[in-house]
Amino acid sequence: MSNLQAEHQKLLVEAKEERDMILADARKIRDKMYEDAKAKSMKEANAIIEEAKKAIHYEKLKAVTDIKNEIANMSIEIAEKLLRQELSDKGKHEMLVTTWMKEFEMN
């Protein structure tokens, strides 16, 4: 009977040791899966952030270009209106052309 009890105790100890090893392996696998998932999500998040930064940069450049184009168009319209007003009077027109011709000859 004592041999049977000793054998039972021995099997119980071996079973507990095996259980502890299985649990330790499971924890290692769980921790590795967690770290892998965390690293993957950080990589994906960083990629999304970089894409957003690029999109913002290009949208900013587009907005600045649009504003510059609008300013240029407005400047041309203003210059056109001023020239039309200046050239509406024949005397001013002739004086302006003469002045421009003299400036052109100097350059």
Protein backbone atom coordinates (compact mmCIF):
# COMPACT_ATOMS: atom_id res chain seq x y z
CA MET A 1 0.00 0.00 0.00
CA SER A 2 2.83 2.39 0.83
CA ASN A 3 4.39 1.60 -2.54
CA LEU A 4 1.12 2.46 -4.20
CA GLN A 5 0.89 5.72 -2.27
CA ALA A 6 4.49 6.59 -3.12
CA GLU A 7 3.80 5.83 -6.79
CA HIS A 8 0.65 7.95 -6.63
CA GLN A 9 2.60 10.85 -5.03
CA LYS A 10 5.29 10.52 -7.65
CA LEU A 11 2.70 10.64 -10.48
CA LEU A 12 1.00 13.60 -8.83
CA VAL A 13 4.31 15.52 -8.60
CA GLU A 14 5.13 14.66 -12.22
CA ALA A 15 1.66 15.79 -13.33
CA LYS A 16 2.05 19.09 -11.44
CA GLU A 17 5.49 19.64 -12.98
CA GLU A 18 4.13 18.91 -16.45
CA ARG A 19 1.16 21.22 -15.83
CA ASP A 20 3.53 23.99 -14.70
CA MET A 21 5.65 23.52 -17.83
CA ILE A 22 2.58 23.63 -20.06
CA LEU A 23 1.32 26.78 -18.32
CA ALA A 24 4.76 28.41 -18.59
CA ASP A 25 4.88 27.60 -22.32
CA ALA A 26 1.35 28.94 -22.76
CA ARG A 27 2.34 32.19 -20.99
CA LYS A 28 5.39 32.55 -23.23
CA ILE A 29 3.26 32.00 -26.33
CA ARG A 30 0.64 34.46 -25.07
CA ASP A 31 3.29 37.08 -24.29
CA LYS A 32 4.92 36.63 -27.71
CA MET A 33 1.55 36.91 -29.47
CA TYR A 34 0.78 40.05 -27.47
CA GLU A 35 4.14 41.65 -28.28
CA ASP A 36 3.84 40.70 -31.96
CA ALA A 37 0.34 42.17 -32.17
CA LYS A 38 1.47 45.31 -30.34
CA ALA A 39 4.45 45.77 -32.68
CA LYS A 40 2.27 45.20 -35.74
CA SER A 41 -0.36 47.67 -34.58
CA MET A 42 2.31 50.29 -33.81
CA LYS A 43 3.82 49.80 -37.26
CA GLU A 44 0.40 50.17 -38.90
CA ALA A 45 -0.42 53.22 -36.78
CA ASN A 46 2.87 54.87 -37.72
CA ALA A 47 2.23 54.15 -41.40
CA ILE A 48 -1.24 55.72 -41.15
CA ILE A 49 0.21 58.77 -39.40
CA GLU A 50 2.90 59.18 -42.08
CA GLU A 51 0.30 58.93 -44.84
CA ALA A 52 -1.85 61.54 -43.08
CA LYS A 53 1.17 63.85 -42.74
CA LYS A 54 1.91 63.49 -46.46
CA ALA A 55 -1.72 64.15 -47.37
CA ILE A 56 -1.78 67.26 -45.15
CA HIS A 57 1.48 68.49 -46.71
CA TYR A 58 0.17 68.07 -50.26
CA GLU A 59 -3.16 69.69 -49.40
CA LYS A 60 -1.28 72.63 -47.87
CA LEU A 61 0.84 72.99 -51.03
CA LYS A 62 -2.30 72.83 -53.15
CA ALA A 63 -4.01 75.50 -51.04
CA VAL A 64 -0.97 77.81 -51.24
CA THR A 65 -0.78 77.30 -55.01
CA ASP A 66 -4.50 78.02 -55.37
CA ILE A 67 -4.13 81.22 -53.33
CA LYS A 68 -1.13 82.34 -55.40
CA ASN A 69 -3.05 81.67 -58.62
CA GLU A 70 -6.04 83.61 -57.34
CA ILE A 71 -3.82 86.55 -56.34
CA ALA A 72 -2.18 86.50 -59.76
CA ASN A 73 -5.56 86.50 -61.51
CA MET A 74 -6.80 89.36 -59.34
CA SER A 75 -3.61 91.32 -60.03
CA ILE A 76 -4.07 90.87 -63.77
CA GLU A 77 -7.71 91.97 -63.54
CA ILE A 78 -6.74 95.06 -61.53
CA ALA A 79 -3.94 95.91 -63.96
CA GLU A 80 -6.32 95.45 -66.88
CA LYS A 81 -8.90 97.77 -65.33
CA LEU A 82 -6.26 100.38 -64.54
CA LEU A 83 -4.89 100.23 -68.09
CA ARG A 84 -8.35 100.51 -69.58
CA GLN A 85 -9.01 103.57 -67.43
CA GLU A 86 -5.63 105.11 -68.27
CA LEU A 87 -5.99 104.37 -71.98
CA SER A 88 -9.55 105.68 -72.24
CA ASP A 89 -8.22 109.22 -72.57
CA LYS A 90 -6.37 109.62 -75.91
CA GLY A 91 -3.92 112.17 -74.45
CA LYS A 92 -3.01 109.93 -71.53
CA HIS A 93 -2.75 107.02 -73.94
CA GLU A 94 -0.23 108.79 -76.16
CA MET A 95 1.77 110.03 -73.15
CA LEU A 96 1.86 106.54 -71.64
CA VAL A 97 3.01 104.94 -74.91
CA THR A 98 5.71 107.58 -75.33
CA THR A 99 6.95 107.05 -71.78
CA TRP A 100 7.03 103.28 -72.24
CA MET A 101 8.90 103.60 -75.51
CA LYS A 102 11.55 105.79 -73.86
CA GLU A 103 11.93 103.31 -70.99
CA PHE A 104 12.15 100.44 -73.47
CA GLU A 105 14.87 102.19 -75.48
CA MET A 106 16.89 102.77 -72.30
CA ASN A 107 16.86 99.12 -71.37
